[in-house]
Amino acid sequence: WSVTDCLNSNVPVDFINSYAVSVKVDETYVSPRLKFDEPSDSLQGVCYKHGKEHKELLKFDSFEEAQLIQSAVKEGVIHVPKDSLVVGLNKLNTTDVVKVAISWPTCSKDDFHGTNDIFESVRKFVHLHTGKNVMNYCTDGDGIRRISLASLLSHQLDLTTDVGKIISKLPMVDQLCGKGQETVSFDPKHLVKRLWQSFTNESVQLAGVPIVRRDLIDLLGLSGLEPLSLERLVYPRDKQNVPAASKFFLTFIEVMLDEGNYSKIPFRLQKAISELKLYALVMEGLLHFYVYRDTTIMKQISTFSRAAYILLGMYQHNTSCINNQLYHDIQSTFIDAIFCSAKAAVFFPTEPLYMVQNGTDPLERTFGRGRMVLANQSDDSASLINAFSSIEQCDKILTVDHPEWSQSSRVSGRISLDKSNPASWNADKLTIGDEDVSLHWNTGRLQGLADVLKHLGQEVQETCDGHLTTLKKPKGKLIGLNEDRVYSLSNESSDGVNHDIQVCSIPDVESMINYTSFTYFNFEQ
């Protein structure tokens, strides 16, 4: 499914009229290299922003003009980036691999407006070609994308719609969404990894007690893990190791949810036992996105809800328990999960909802396949785009047709990680059917509120300084990003203010990323 095919409306039949399209947005490294594109008679590989600003400069008819381009690159007038922003699509009601739709070389000088315009173009594109709205956006913790996506969620949910009627029954759930009721999810595995880094970097403080690595060794040692294994989890060489992060918290949960261990916990941590147990329940909620493949969708919903309200109560009680951005991203992901569940209940109740397909992990798997396809060849932006159709075929073979050829999970058989197959989840157990989504969310909510009262001795506050509190506004105001900046960007976009980068029409996008026929252009020659 090439970029050109995508933009020419050759969308796969199974995407037409689909309510379950999820947009994945992530970056991948590319070699900074220009290539000559015969159809447009110009050089490609320049970042999105500079490509629009200097479109004519990228064409040349003589060696002298080529030298001018070379000078412009060296002086930074034309930026050849090392990263490419890739947008992929998949459906949350199937186990299909992600389909890469669009790729833009990105610029370090890109601002919020440029990124916002890209997302708006993708939203319009999906609506144009599928006939339905985007279900959600999935990204990682990039700061610019966080603010840009937050600014798109500037519309109050219409509570008279079928989806709105479900969400209206959920107290303290934020009701801002996109124009088509879309929400934003941050990749659960990234969130687990970032929480793990917070613990191993000794930046977590519970009940006034800083949690240091020596404490973690003693705490996790109650599980019976070998000393060498403990050292690898608490003093990691690779801090991006998601399997290690997952194993760390699985062990943490195992210890903290067994009350028989409490008397054995080191004396220094005795004061923090209650908050440590609550933290374990929050982590259990996050791990339910890709762990315990025999679970049901209703168990996932209630577990997400319980974790969300516990985290809300913990933050109100102790803001040092987690940093603000991470709090925002986790709560956004839980809120997105219930929005997706509500949409599934309304639009495809007889089909499964794969939470494991949420996040950016399916897109990152495609990046890994891309490196395999290209092998030792050039991995510049143009080559990656040309290889995406082959990548999809490889991913389908390894993930759908022959999962036994793919390496098994590096953690345990319970976990669906980088190399595992979403098809191993039980589709029947992930089908909502006639179940009441709001009932299961509220069941988890009541459990979470009771946990906070039991372990912290206080109730979750419904107001703070005269403001209503929500999951994303634990103190009555948005945290984790600049609320004024988000609202300003939202208003500018809705008012149609002109920016350096305009919202691309489909032809403009196609001309920017039409990498269909390339030959190498070597300045040295």
Protein backbone atom coordinates (compact mmCIF):
# COMPACT_ATOMS: atom_id res chain seq x y z
CA TRP A 1 0.00 0.00 0.00
CA SER A 2 2.28 2.75 -1.28
CA VAL A 3 2.03 6.44 -0.50
CA THR A 4 0.93 7.29 -4.04
CA ASP A 5 -1.72 4.55 -4.02
CA CYS A 6 -2.92 5.82 -0.66
CA LEU A 7 -3.30 9.37 -1.85
CA ASN A 8 -4.97 8.28 -5.06
CA SER A 9 -7.77 6.72 -3.03
CA ASN A 10 -6.64 3.13 -3.63
CA VAL A 11 -7.43 2.30 -0.03
CA PRO A 12 -7.81 -1.42 0.79
CA VAL A 13 -11.41 -2.53 0.64
CA ASP A 14 -11.45 -3.50 4.33
CA PHE A 15 -10.70 0.11 5.31
CA ILE A 16 -13.72 1.55 3.53
CA ASN A 17 -16.53 2.53 5.92
CA SER A 18 -14.45 1.42 8.91
CA TYR A 19 -15.03 3.03 12.30
CA ALA A 20 -11.94 1.43 13.83
CA VAL A 21 -9.08 3.21 12.02
CA SER A 22 -6.29 4.15 14.42
CA VAL A 23 -3.59 6.62 13.36
CA LYS A 24 -0.04 5.79 14.50
CA VAL A 25 2.49 8.61 14.54
CA ASP A 26 6.17 8.07 15.23
CA GLU A 27 9.64 8.97 13.99
CA THR A 28 12.37 6.79 12.58
CA TYR A 29 16.00 7.50 11.77
CA VAL A 30 16.92 8.01 8.12
CA SER A 31 20.22 8.78 6.42
CA PRO A 32 20.39 12.51 5.51
CA ARG A 33 20.56 12.13 1.75
CA LEU A 34 18.96 13.87 -1.22
CA LYS A 35 17.65 11.89 -4.17
CA PHE A 36 16.53 12.97 -7.60
CA ASP A 37 12.88 12.36 -8.42
CA GLU A 38 12.23 12.10 -12.14
CA PRO A 39 8.43 12.75 -12.15
CA SER A 40 8.78 16.05 -10.27
CA ASP A 41 12.19 16.84 -11.82
CA SER A 42 13.55 17.90 -8.46
CA LEU A 43 15.49 16.69 -5.44
CA GLN A 44 13.59 14.98 -2.64
CA GLY A 45 14.53 14.21 0.95
CA VAL A 46 14.29 17.76 2.25
CA CYS A 47 12.27 18.31 5.43
CA TYR A 48 8.59 19.12 5.14
CA LYS A 49 8.92 22.76 6.18
CA HIS A 50 11.89 23.70 3.99
CA GLY A 51 10.52 21.66 1.10
CA LYS A 52 7.50 23.95 0.92
CA GLU A 53 9.52 27.12 1.47
CA HIS A 54 12.20 26.30 -1.13
CA LYS A 55 10.33 24.15 -3.60
CA GLU A 56 11.77 25.86 -6.67
CA LEU A 57 15.32 25.81 -5.31
CA LEU A 58 15.27 22.01 -5.41
CA LYS A 59 15.12 22.02 -9.23
CA PHE A 60 18.22 22.47 -11.37
CA ASP A 61 19.13 22.44 -15.07
CA SER A 62 22.87 22.86 -14.88
CA PHE A 63 25.91 21.95 -12.84
CA GLU A 64 26.10 25.53 -11.57
CA GLU A 65 22.55 25.31 -10.23
CA ALA A 66 23.38 21.98 -8.59
CA GLN A 67 26.31 23.67 -6.86
CA LEU A 68 23.93 26.32 -5.53
CA ILE A 69 21.82 23.54 -4.00
CA GLN A 70 24.95 22.02 -2.47
CA SER A 71 25.86 25.37 -0.92
CA ALA A 72 22.31 25.81 0.38
CA VAL A 73 22.50 22.43 2.11
CA LYS A 74 25.87 23.21 3.70
CA GLU A 75 24.64 26.62 4.91
CA GLY A 76 21.46 25.16 6.35
CA VAL A 77 19.11 27.02 4.02
CA ILE A 78 17.91 23.60 2.86
CA HIS A 79 17.61 21.08 5.67
CA VAL A 80 18.20 17.38 4.96
CA PRO A 81 16.91 15.69 8.12
CA LYS A 82 17.97 12.57 9.99
CA ASP A 83 14.41 11.75 11.06
CA SER A 84 11.23 11.02 9.20
CA LEU A 85 7.77 11.38 10.70
CA VAL A 86 5.83 8.30 9.69
CA VAL A 87 2.06 7.97 9.82
CA GLY A 88 0.58 4.49 9.74
CA LEU A 89 -2.97 3.20 9.93
CA ASN A 90 -4.40 0.05 11.38
CA LYS A 91 -7.75 -1.13 12.66
CA LEU A 92 -8.31 -1.89 16.32
CA ASN A 93 -10.87 -4.59 15.49
CA THR A 94 -8.42 -6.78 13.52
CA THR A 95 -4.96 -8.28 13.96
CA ASP A 96 -3.82 -6.85 10.63
CA VAL A 97 -0.40 -5.26 10.45
CA VAL A 98 -0.08 -1.50 10.28
CA LYS A 99 -0.25 0.07 6.82
CA VAL A 100 2.08 3.02 6.31
CA ALA A 101 0.20 5.87 4.71
CA ILE A 102 2.49 8.90 4.72
CA SER A 103 6.06 9.79 5.62
CA TRP A 104 7.48 13.28 6.02
CA PRO A 105 11.14 14.08 6.62
CA THR A 106 10.97 16.22 9.75
CA CYS A 107 12.81 19.37 10.68
CA SER A 108 14.24 20.29 14.07
CA LYS A 109 12.85 23.76 13.41
CA ASP A 110 9.29 22.52 12.92
CA ASP A 111 6.89 24.35 15.21
CA PHE A 112 3.57 23.37 16.75
CA HIS A 113 1.64 24.78 13.80
CA GLY A 114 3.47 22.63 11.27
CA THR A 115 2.96 19.46 13.27
CA ASN A 116 -0.67 20.38 13.92
CA ASP A 117 -1.27 20.87 10.20
CA ILE A 118 0.17 17.45 9.43
CA PHE A 119 -2.22 15.78 11.88
CA GLU A 120 -5.16 17.75 10.51
CA SER A 121 -4.23 16.67 6.97
CA VAL A 122 -4.15 13.03 8.06
CA ARG A 123 -7.54 13.38 9.77
CA LYS A 124 -9.09 14.85 6.61
CA PHE A 125 -7.40 12.23 4.47
CA VAL A 126 -8.76 9.31 6.52
CA HIS A 127 -12.25 10.81 6.58
CA LEU A 128 -12.12 11.40 2.83
CA HIS A 129 -11.05 7.87 1.94
CA THR A 130 -12.80 5.75 4.59
CA GLY A 131 -16.01 7.72 4.95
CA LYS A 132 -15.60 7.68 8.75
CA ASN A 133 -13.74 9.61 11.44
CA VAL A 134 -10.43 8.59 12.91
CA MET A 135 -10.90 6.48 16.05
CA ASN A 136 -7.79 7.79 17.79
CA TYR A 137 -4.23 9.06 17.43
CA CYS A 138 -1.35 7.09 18.96
CA THR A 139 2.06 8.57 19.61
CA ASP A 140 4.95 8.52 22.09
CA GLY A 141 6.05 11.21 24.55
CA ASP A 142 7.47 13.72 22.07
CA GLY A 143 6.85 17.24 23.43
CA ILE A 144 5.78 18.93 20.18
CA ARG A 145 3.41 16.11 19.26
CA ARG A 146 1.97 16.09 22.79
CA ILE A 147 0.96 19.75 22.58
CA SER A 148 -0.14 19.57 18.93
CA LEU A 149 -2.39 16.58 19.55
CA ALA A 150 -3.74 18.10 22.76
CA SER A 151 -4.73 21.20 20.80
CA LEU A 152 -6.78 19.03 18.43
CA LEU A 153 -8.86 17.84 21.40
CA SER A 154 -10.60 21.19 21.70
CA HIS A 155 -14.18 20.11 21.03
CA GLN A 156 -16.67 19.29 23.76
CA LEU A 157 -18.09 15.82 23.27
CA ASP A 158 -21.72 15.90 22.12
CA LEU A 159 -23.45 14.05 24.94
CA THR A 160 -26.57 13.48 22.82
CA THR A 161 -24.70 11.05 20.53
CA ASP A 162 -24.58 7.33 21.30
CA VAL A 163 -20.92 7.59 22.29
CA GLY A 164 -21.60 10.74 24.30
CA LYS A 165 -24.38 9.03 26.24
CA ILE A 166 -21.93 6.35 27.40
CA ILE A 167 -19.16 8.79 28.35
CA SER A 168 -21.64 11.03 30.20
CA LYS A 169 -22.14 8.20 32.73
CA LEU A 170 -18.45 8.22 33.70
CA PRO A 171 -17.66 10.76 36.46
CA MET A 172 -14.43 12.77 36.17
CA VAL A 173 -13.62 11.49 32.66
CA ASP A 174 -12.48 14.42 30.51
CA GLN A 175 -14.92 15.01 27.65
CA LEU A 176 -12.79 17.04 25.25
CA CYS A 177 -12.11 15.29 21.95
CA GLY A 178 -11.40 16.00 18.29
CA LYS A 179 -13.86 17.04 15.62
CA GLY A 180 -14.79 13.41 15.00
CA GLN A 181 -14.73 12.34 18.67
CA GLU A 182 -11.14 11.11 18.27
CA THR A 183 -8.85 10.96 21.31
CA VAL A 184 -5.11 10.54 21.93
CA SER A 185 -3.26 7.52 23.28
CA PHE A 186 0.39 7.34 24.31
CA ASP A 187 2.03 4.00 23.65
CA PRO A 188 1.57 1.84 26.80
CA LYS A 189 4.99 0.23 26.43
CA HIS A 190 6.65 3.65 26.28
CA LEU A 191 4.75 4.61 29.43
CA VAL A 192 5.92 1.47 31.24
CA LYS A 193 9.47 2.14 30.10
CA ARG A 194 9.34 5.76 31.29
CA LEU A 195 7.97 4.71 34.69
CA TRP A 196 10.73 2.12 34.97
CA GLN A 197 13.29 4.84 34.21
CA SER A 198 11.75 7.00 36.95
CA PHE A 199 12.31 4.21 39.48
CA THR A 200 15.80 3.23 38.34
CA ASN A 201 16.84 6.90 38.15
CA GLU A 202 15.70 7.29 41.77
CA SER A 203 13.27 10.10 40.98
CA VAL A 204 10.20 8.58 42.69
CA GLN A 205 9.26 9.62 46.22
CA LEU A 206 6.46 7.89 48.12
CA ALA A 207 5.19 8.85 51.60
CA GLY A 208 8.13 11.22 51.88
CA VAL A 209 10.59 8.37 51.24
CA PRO A 210 12.88 8.62 48.18
CA ILE A 211 12.90 5.20 46.49
CA VAL A 212 16.54 4.30 45.78
CA ARG A 213 17.89 1.38 43.78
CA ARG A 214 19.13 -0.47 46.84
CA ASP A 215 15.54 -0.46 48.10
CA LEU A 216 14.35 -1.88 44.78
CA ILE A 217 16.89 -4.70 44.96
CA ASP A 218 15.64 -5.63 48.43
CA LEU A 219 11.98 -5.27 47.44
CA LEU A 220 12.12 -7.28 44.22
CA GLY A 221 14.32 -9.85 45.91
CA LEU A 222 11.25 -11.01 47.84
CA SER A 223 10.06 -12.60 44.59
CA GLY A 224 12.94 -15.07 44.63
CA LEU A 225 14.71 -13.69 41.55
CA GLU A 226 18.41 -14.45 41.26
CA PRO A 227 20.76 -11.59 42.25
CA LEU A 228 22.10 -11.24 38.70
CA SER A 229 18.57 -10.91 37.30
CA LEU A 230 17.75 -8.28 39.92
CA GLU A 231 20.86 -6.29 39.03
CA ARG A 232 19.86 -6.26 35.36
CA LEU A 233 16.40 -4.95 36.17
CA VAL A 234 17.48 -2.26 38.65
CA TYR A 235 20.82 -1.25 37.08
CA PRO A 236 19.99 -1.63 33.37
CA ARG A 237 22.61 -1.13 30.70
CA ASP A 238 19.90 -0.45 28.14
CA LYS A 239 17.31 1.95 29.52
CA GLN A 240 15.14 1.52 26.41
CA ASN A 241 14.61 -2.19 27.08
CA VAL A 242 10.83 -2.61 27.20
CA PRO A 243 10.93 -6.35 28.07
CA ALA A 244 13.13 -5.59 31.08
CA ALA A 245 10.81 -2.75 32.13
CA SER A 246 7.82 -5.09 31.87
CA LYS A 247 9.54 -7.80 33.88
CA PHE A 248 10.51 -5.22 36.51
CA PHE A 249 6.88 -4.25 37.09
CA LEU A 250 5.53 -7.79 36.83
CA THR A 251 7.89 -8.69 39.66
CA PHE A 252 6.97 -5.49 41.52
CA ILE A 253 3.25 -6.34 41.24
CA GLU A 254 3.85 -9.93 42.35
CA VAL A 255 5.60 -8.73 45.52
CA MET A 256 3.28 -5.85 46.43
CA LEU A 257 -0.03 -7.66 45.88
CA ASP A 258 1.02 -10.46 48.24
CA GLU A 259 0.34 -9.16 51.75
CA GLY A 260 2.47 -11.96 53.15
CA ASN A 261 5.52 -10.01 51.95
CA TYR A 262 4.72 -6.84 53.89
CA SER A 263 6.50 -7.87 57.07
CA LYS A 264 9.62 -8.68 55.03
CA ILE A 265 9.79 -5.33 53.26
CA PRO A 266 12.87 -3.30 54.32
CA PHE A 267 12.28 -1.07 57.33
CA ARG A 268 13.01 2.12 55.37
CA LEU A 269 10.09 1.32 53.03
CA GLN A 270 7.56 0.31 55.69
CA LYS A 271 6.16 3.85 55.74
CA ALA A 272 5.57 3.69 51.96
CA ILE A 273 3.88 0.27 51.78
CA SER A 274 0.42 1.70 51.09
CA GLU A 275 1.60 3.87 48.20
CA LEU A 276 3.75 1.06 46.83
CA LYS A 277 0.69 -1.19 46.68
CA LEU A 278 -1.31 1.52 44.92
CA TYR A 279 1.54 1.95 42.45
CA ALA A 280 1.40 -1.79 41.77
CA LEU A 281 -2.31 -1.51 40.92
CA VAL A 282 -1.63 1.40 38.55
CA MET A 283 1.05 -0.64 36.82
CA GLU A 284 -1.29 -3.60 36.57
CA GLY A 285 -3.66 -1.32 34.66
CA LEU A 286 -0.97 -0.27 32.17
CA LEU A 287 0.29 -3.81 31.68
CA HIS A 288 -3.25 -4.95 30.85
CA PHE A 289 -2.84 -3.30 27.45
CA TYR A 290 -0.38 -5.99 26.35
CA VAL A 291 -0.18 -8.59 29.13
CA TYR A 292 -2.47 -11.49 30.17
CA ARG A 293 -3.68 -12.56 26.76
CA ASP A 294 -6.51 -14.65 28.24
CA THR A 295 -8.21 -11.61 29.76
CA THR A 296 -11.54 -10.17 28.61
CA ILE A 297 -12.24 -6.70 27.25
CA MET A 298 -14.47 -5.99 30.25
CA LYS A 299 -11.70 -6.96 32.66
CA GLN A 300 -9.39 -4.61 30.77
CA ILE A 301 -11.89 -1.74 31.02
CA SER A 302 -12.44 -2.16 34.76
CA THR A 303 -8.69 -2.51 35.38
CA PHE A 304 -7.93 0.64 33.36
CA SER A 305 -10.58 2.53 35.33
CA ARG A 306 -9.34 1.34 38.70
CA ALA A 307 -5.78 2.35 37.83
CA ALA A 308 -6.89 5.78 36.54
CA TYR A 309 -8.74 6.75 39.73
CA ILE A 310 -5.98 5.38 41.96
CA LEU A 311 -3.44 7.50 40.09
CA LEU A 312 -5.72 10.52 40.45
CA GLY A 313 -5.94 10.01 44.22
CA MET A 314 -2.21 9.39 44.54
CA TYR A 315 -1.34 12.59 42.70
CA GLN A 316 -3.76 14.64 44.78
CA HIS A 317 -2.16 13.17 47.90
CA ASN A 318 1.48 13.38 46.77
CA THR A 319 2.58 15.16 43.60
CA SER A 320 6.07 13.67 43.97
CA CYS A 321 4.80 10.20 43.14
CA ILE A 322 5.05 10.83 39.37
CA ASN A 323 6.17 13.63 37.06
CA ASN A 324 3.50 15.79 35.47
CA GLN A 325 4.03 14.81 31.84
CA LEU A 326 3.96 11.12 32.63
CA TYR A 327 0.78 11.59 34.67
CA HIS A 328 -0.87 13.39 31.74
CA ASP A 329 0.18 10.73 29.22
CA ILE A 330 -1.01 7.81 31.35
CA GLN A 331 -4.40 9.36 32.08
CA SER A 332 -4.83 10.32 28.41
CA THR A 333 -4.22 6.68 27.48
CA PHE A 334 -6.79 5.37 29.98
CA ILE A 335 -9.34 7.94 28.76
CA ASP A 336 -8.65 6.98 25.15
CA ALA A 337 -9.25 3.33 26.07
CA ILE A 338 -12.76 4.03 27.37
CA PHE A 339 -13.57 6.26 24.37
CA CYS A 340 -12.47 3.45 22.02
CA SER A 341 -14.53 0.96 24.04
CA ALA A 342 -17.60 3.21 23.81
CA LYS A 343 -17.16 3.52 20.04
CA ALA A 344 -16.73 -0.24 19.72
CA ALA A 345 -19.94 -0.78 21.72
CA VAL A 346 -21.81 1.57 19.39
CA PHE A 347 -20.29 0.85 15.96
CA PHE A 348 -18.97 -2.73 16.01
CA PRO A 349 -20.22 -4.55 19.15
CA THR A 350 -19.95 -7.99 17.53
CA GLU A 351 -16.30 -7.54 16.57
CA PRO A 352 -13.26 -7.66 18.88
CA LEU A 353 -11.46 -4.59 20.20
CA TYR A 354 -7.72 -5.26 20.37
CA MET A 355 -6.19 -2.94 22.95
CA VAL A 356 -2.86 -4.59 22.13
CA GLN A 357 -3.12 -2.95 18.70
CA ASN A 358 -3.25 0.48 20.34
CA GLY A 359 -0.13 2.60 20.71
CA THR A 360 2.79 2.92 18.31
CA ASP A 361 4.24 -0.57 18.77
CA PRO A 362 2.73 -1.90 15.50
CA LEU A 363 4.41 0.97 13.64
CA GLU A 364 7.73 0.42 15.39
CA ARG A 365 7.61 -3.22 14.35
CA THR A 366 7.29 -1.98 10.78
CA PHE A 367 10.44 0.12 11.24
CA GLY A 368 12.28 -3.01 12.36
CA ARG A 369 11.08 -4.91 9.31
CA GLY A 370 12.24 -1.95 7.21
CA ARG A 371 15.81 -2.32 8.42
CA MET A 372 15.58 -6.02 7.58
CA VAL A 373 14.27 -5.36 4.06
CA LEU A 374 16.87 -2.71 3.28
CA ALA A 375 19.71 -4.73 4.84
CA ASN A 376 22.94 -2.89 4.03
CA GLN A 377 21.35 -0.66 1.43
CA SER A 378 20.60 3.03 1.92
CA ASP A 379 18.08 3.75 4.66
CA ASP A 380 17.25 7.29 3.60
CA SER A 381 13.69 8.56 3.68
CA ALA A 382 13.01 7.78 0.02
CA SER A 383 14.29 4.20 0.26
CA LEU A 384 12.17 3.58 3.34
CA ILE A 385 9.06 4.80 1.56
CA ASN A 386 9.75 2.60 -1.45
CA ALA A 387 10.33 -0.35 0.86
CA PHE A 388 7.13 0.03 2.87
CA SER A 389 5.07 -2.23 0.61
CA SER A 390 7.69 -4.97 1.01
CA ILE A 391 7.81 -4.29 4.74
CA GLU A 392 4.07 -4.84 4.98
CA GLN A 393 4.36 -8.17 3.20
CA CYS A 394 7.21 -9.30 5.48
CA ASP A 395 5.29 -8.19 8.55
CA LYS A 396 2.20 -10.06 7.39
CA ILE A 397 4.22 -13.24 6.79
CA LEU A 398 5.97 -13.08 10.17
CA THR A 399 3.01 -11.84 12.21
CA VAL A 400 -0.11 -13.33 10.60
CA ASP A 401 0.82 -16.18 8.28
CA HIS A 402 3.76 -17.75 10.11
CA PRO A 403 4.09 -16.39 13.65
CA GLU A 404 6.18 -19.46 14.53
CA TRP A 405 9.00 -18.01 12.42
CA SER A 406 9.19 -14.92 14.59
CA GLN A 407 11.24 -14.86 17.78
CA SER A 408 9.14 -15.42 20.89
CA SER A 409 8.81 -12.90 23.69
CA ARG A 410 11.95 -12.26 25.71
CA VAL A 411 10.03 -11.96 28.98
CA SER A 412 7.44 -14.66 29.42
CA GLY A 413 4.66 -16.45 27.62
CA ARG A 414 2.07 -14.20 29.28
CA ILE A 415 3.27 -11.04 27.59
CA SER A 416 2.64 -9.72 24.11
CA LEU A 417 5.81 -7.77 23.39
CA ASP A 418 7.78 -6.59 20.40
CA LYS A 419 7.99 -9.97 18.65
CA SER A 420 4.61 -11.45 19.54
CA ASN A 421 1.44 -11.73 17.54
CA PRO A 422 -1.82 -9.89 18.42
CA ALA A 423 -3.64 -12.82 16.83
CA SER A 424 -2.70 -14.90 19.89
CA TRP A 425 -5.30 -12.93 21.87
CA ASN A 426 -8.75 -14.52 22.14
CA ALA A 427 -11.05 -12.53 19.85
CA ASP A 428 -14.21 -13.89 21.50
CA LYS A 429 -13.13 -12.52 24.87
CA LEU A 430 -12.41 -9.10 23.34
CA THR A 431 -15.91 -8.67 21.88
CA ILE A 432 -18.18 -6.26 23.77
CA GLY A 433 -21.51 -7.58 22.52
CA ASP A 434 -24.40 -6.56 24.79
CA GLU A 435 -22.18 -5.68 27.76
CA ASP A 436 -22.58 -2.27 29.40
CA VAL A 437 -19.21 -0.52 29.00
CA SER A 438 -20.07 2.25 31.48
CA LEU A 439 -21.03 -0.33 34.14
CA HIS A 440 -17.63 -2.02 33.99
CA TRP A 441 -15.76 1.31 33.98
CA ASN A 442 -17.71 2.48 37.02
CA THR A 443 -17.06 -0.83 38.78
CA GLY A 444 -13.34 -0.17 38.38
CA ARG A 445 -13.86 3.44 39.46
CA LEU A 446 -15.50 2.42 42.73
CA GLN A 447 -12.70 -0.06 43.38
CA GLY A 448 -10.10 2.63 42.75
CA LEU A 449 -11.80 5.16 45.01
CA ALA A 450 -12.07 2.53 47.76
CA ASP A 451 -8.37 1.67 47.36
CA VAL A 452 -7.40 5.33 47.76
CA LEU A 453 -9.55 5.72 50.88
CA LYS A 454 -8.21 2.51 52.42
CA HIS A 455 -4.51 3.07 51.79
CA LEU A 456 -4.22 6.88 51.89
CA GLY A 457 -6.97 7.61 54.41
CA GLN A 458 -8.59 10.26 52.23
CA GLU A 459 -11.18 10.46 49.48
CA VAL A 460 -10.49 11.59 45.94
CA GLN A 461 -11.29 15.30 45.75
CA GLU A 462 -13.98 16.27 43.27
CA THR A 463 -13.09 19.98 43.41
CA CYS A 464 -9.89 21.91 44.03
CA ASP A 465 -9.70 25.69 44.58
CA GLY A 466 -13.19 26.07 43.17
CA HIS A 467 -12.44 24.05 40.02
CA LEU A 468 -13.87 20.64 39.16
CA THR A 469 -11.23 17.93 39.06
CA THR A 470 -10.99 15.36 36.29
CA LEU A 471 -8.56 12.57 35.49
CA LYS A 472 -6.38 14.96 33.49
CA LYS A 473 -6.96 17.86 35.90
CA PRO A 474 -6.22 16.42 39.35
CA LYS A 475 -5.86 19.87 40.88
CA GLY A 476 -8.52 21.54 38.73
CA LYS A 477 -6.06 22.52 35.99
CA LEU A 478 -4.42 20.63 33.16
CA ILE A 479 -0.96 19.36 34.07
CA GLY A 480 1.89 17.95 32.01
CA LEU A 481 1.72 20.62 29.33
CA ASN A 482 1.16 24.35 29.00
CA GLU A 483 -2.63 24.74 29.09
CA ASP A 484 -2.51 28.32 27.78
CA ARG A 485 -0.30 27.22 24.88
CA VAL A 486 -2.67 24.38 24.01
CA TYR A 487 -5.75 26.61 24.08
CA SER A 488 -3.95 29.32 22.10
CA LEU A 489 -2.97 26.85 19.40
CA SER A 490 -6.50 25.42 19.35
CA ASN A 491 -8.04 28.86 18.88
CA GLU A 492 -5.56 29.88 16.17
CA SER A 493 -6.26 26.70 14.23
CA SER A 494 -10.03 27.04 14.56
CA ASP A 495 -9.93 30.70 13.56
CA GLY A 496 -8.12 29.85 10.33
CA VAL A 497 -5.05 31.93 11.11
CA ASN A 498 -2.36 31.62 8.46
CA HIS A 499 0.87 29.99 9.62
CA ASP A 500 4.21 29.27 8.01
CA ILE A 501 2.89 25.87 7.01
CA GLN A 502 -0.65 25.63 5.73
CA VAL A 503 -2.90 22.61 6.01
CA CYS A 504 -1.98 20.53 2.98
CA SER A 505 -4.53 19.59 0.41
CA ILE A 506 -4.21 16.04 -0.87
CA PRO A 507 -2.47 17.14 -4.11
CA ASP A 508 0.02 19.23 -2.09
CA VAL A 509 0.80 16.29 0.16
CA GLU A 510 1.26 14.04 -2.84
CA SER A 511 3.69 16.46 -4.48
CA MET A 512 5.65 16.72 -1.23
CA ILE A 513 6.12 12.99 -0.71
CA ASN A 514 5.86 11.47 -4.17
CA TYR A 515 8.93 9.23 -3.97
CA THR A 516 8.04 6.91 -6.82
CA SER A 517 11.13 6.84 -9.05
CA PHE A 518 14.53 7.75 -7.68
CA THR A 519 18.11 7.83 -8.83
CA TYR A 520 21.05 8.72 -6.63
CA PHE A 521 22.42 12.24 -6.98
CA ASN A 522 26.00 12.45 -5.79
CA PHE A 523 27.32 15.95 -5.21
CA GLU A 524 30.89 14.63 -5.22
CA GLN A 525 30.46 13.76 -8.89
